[in-house]
Amino acid sequence: MSCANMNIMMFTQAVLKELVQWHKVSHRNVVQVSCVFNRDLIPFLVISRIAGENLDVFLRAHGYLSLLHRMRMR
């Protein structure tokens, strides 16, 4: 096995480990992970659908958020 393939496998294992931990988290401010799986050394996850826009769109519309505003979003 080449060094590059070993690095990919180690990275994939590390990502899957993190995703499995994320799957265990249950908090109202954290998107729920429904499923974590690996196909052809590529980690995938299935998350719950959330309403609204992504963070990039929100920040472009509202600009920088102060700490106070970020705390209100909880």
C-alpha atoms as a PDB file:
ATOM      1  CA  MET A   1       0.000   0.000   0.000  1.00  0.00           C
ATOM      2  CA  SER A   2       1.371   3.417  -0.936  1.00  0.00           C
ATOM      3  CA  CYS A   3       2.005   6.185   1.559  1.00  0.00           C
ATOM      4  CA  ALA A   4      -0.713   8.314  -0.080  1.00  0.00           C
ATOM      5  CA  ASN A   5      -3.297   5.533   0.311  1.00  0.00           C
ATOM      6  CA  MET A   6      -2.327   5.070   3.954  1.00  0.00           C
ATOM      7  CA  ASN A   7      -2.745   8.806   4.558  1.00  0.00           C
ATOM      8  CA  ILE A   8      -6.178   8.739   2.907  1.00  0.00           C
ATOM      9  CA  MET A   9      -7.218   5.771   5.041  1.00  0.00           C
ATOM     10  CA  MET A  10      -5.979   7.442   8.239  1.00  0.00           C
ATOM     11  CA  PHE A  11      -7.787  10.665   7.316  1.00  0.00           C
ATOM     12  CA  THR A  12     -10.975   8.759   6.521  1.00  0.00           C
ATOM     13  CA  GLN A  13     -10.823   6.905   9.839  1.00  0.00           C
ATOM     14  CA  ALA A  14     -10.260  10.168  11.729  1.00  0.00           C
ATOM     15  CA  VAL A  15     -13.196  11.843   9.961  1.00  0.00           C
ATOM     16  CA  LEU A  16     -15.471   8.872  10.600  1.00  0.00           C
ATOM     17  CA  LYS A  17     -14.470   8.879  14.275  1.00  0.00           C
ATOM     18  CA  GLU A  18     -15.415  12.569  14.563  1.00  0.00           C
ATOM     19  CA  LEU A  19     -18.705  12.012  12.719  1.00  0.00           C
ATOM     20  CA  VAL A  20     -19.616   9.133  15.032  1.00  0.00           C
ATOM     21  CA  GLN A  21     -18.969  11.420  18.018  1.00  0.00           C
ATOM     22  CA  TRP A  22     -21.103  14.157  16.423  1.00  0.00           C
ATOM     23  CA  HIS A  23     -23.868  11.557  15.968  1.00  0.00           C
ATOM     24  CA  LYS A  24     -23.924  11.120  19.761  1.00  0.00           C
ATOM     25  CA  VAL A  25     -24.451  14.839  20.456  1.00  0.00           C
ATOM     26  CA  SER A  26     -27.967  15.951  21.274  1.00  0.00           C
ATOM     27  CA  HIS A  27     -28.362  19.713  21.667  1.00  0.00           C
ATOM     28  CA  ARG A  28     -30.838  22.212  20.246  1.00  0.00           C
ATOM     29  CA  ASN A  29     -28.036  24.242  18.609  1.00  0.00           C
ATOM     30  CA  VAL A  30     -26.398  21.258  16.908  1.00  0.00           C
ATOM     31  CA  VAL A  31     -27.690  19.705  13.689  1.00  0.00           C
ATOM     32  CA  GLN A  32     -28.622  16.069  14.298  1.00  0.00           C
ATOM     33  CA  VAL A  33     -26.688  13.389  12.398  1.00  0.00           C
ATOM     34  CA  SER A  34     -28.960  10.584  11.249  1.00  0.00           C
ATOM     35  CA  CYS A  35     -26.380   8.297   9.704  1.00  0.00           C
ATOM     36  CA  VAL A  36     -22.621   8.012   9.131  1.00  0.00           C
ATOM     37  CA  PHE A  37     -21.145   5.658   6.540  1.00  0.00           C
ATOM     38  CA  ASN A  38     -18.084   5.069   4.376  1.00  0.00           C
ATOM     39  CA  ARG A  39     -18.088   4.263   0.648  1.00  0.00           C
ATOM     40  CA  ASP A  40     -14.865   3.830  -1.362  1.00  0.00           C
ATOM     41  CA  LEU A  41     -12.822   5.517   1.390  1.00  0.00           C
ATOM     42  CA  ILE A  42     -15.086   8.571   1.340  1.00  0.00           C
ATOM     43  CA  PRO A  43     -16.942   9.368   4.588  1.00  0.00           C
ATOM     44  CA  PHE A  44     -20.570  10.474   4.263  1.00  0.00           C
ATOM     45  CA  LEU A  45     -23.111  11.690   6.748  1.00  0.00           C
ATOM     46  CA  VAL A  46     -26.836  12.243   6.648  1.00  0.00           C
ATOM     47  CA  ILE A  47     -28.096  15.160   8.721  1.00  0.00           C
ATOM     48  CA  SER A  48     -31.538  16.429   9.572  1.00  0.00           C
ATOM     49  CA  ARG A  49     -32.924  19.138   7.331  1.00  0.00           C
ATOM     50  CA  ILE A  50     -32.990  22.561   8.905  1.00  0.00           C
ATOM     51  CA  ALA A  51     -35.095  25.499   7.836  1.00  0.00           C
ATOM     52  CA  GLY A  52     -33.523  28.718   6.680  1.00  0.00           C
ATOM     53  CA  GLU A  53     -30.471  29.741   4.743  1.00  0.00           C
ATOM     54  CA  ASN A  54     -26.874  28.735   5.169  1.00  0.00           C
ATOM     55  CA  LEU A  55     -24.502  30.778   7.306  1.00  0.00           C
ATOM     56  CA  ASP A  56     -22.789  32.414   4.319  1.00  0.00           C
ATOM     57  CA  VAL A  57     -26.085  33.798   2.999  1.00  0.00           C
ATOM     58  CA  PHE A  58     -27.056  35.020   6.471  1.00  0.00           C
ATOM     59  CA  LEU A  59     -23.750  36.820   7.029  1.00  0.00           C
ATOM     60  CA  ARG A  60     -23.859  38.458   3.587  1.00  0.00           C
ATOM     61  CA  ALA A  61     -27.326  39.812   4.384  1.00  0.00           C
ATOM     62  CA  HIS A  62     -26.643  40.864   7.999  1.00  0.00           C
ATOM     63  CA  GLY A  63     -22.896  41.458   8.065  1.00  0.00           C
ATOM     64  CA  TYR A  64     -20.700  40.784  11.060  1.00  0.00           C
ATOM     65  CA  LEU A  65     -22.549  39.615  14.159  1.00  0.00           C
ATOM     66  CA  SER A  66     -21.625  41.085  17.509  1.00  0.00           C
ATOM     67  CA  LEU A  67     -21.035  38.763  20.434  1.00  0.00           C
ATOM     68  CA  LEU A  68     -24.327  39.930  21.948  1.00  0.00           C
ATOM     69  CA  HIS A  69     -26.234  39.078  18.763  1.00  0.00           C
ATOM     70  CA  ARG A  70     -24.520  35.687  18.514  1.00  0.00           C
ATOM     71  CA  MET A  71     -25.521  34.913  22.095  1.00  0.00           C
ATOM     72  CA  ARG A  72     -29.153  35.819  21.321  1.00  0.00           C
ATOM     73  CA  MET A  73     -29.218  33.225  18.529  1.00  0.00           C
ATOM     74  CA  ARG A  74     -29.051  30.397  21.045  1.00  0.00           C
END
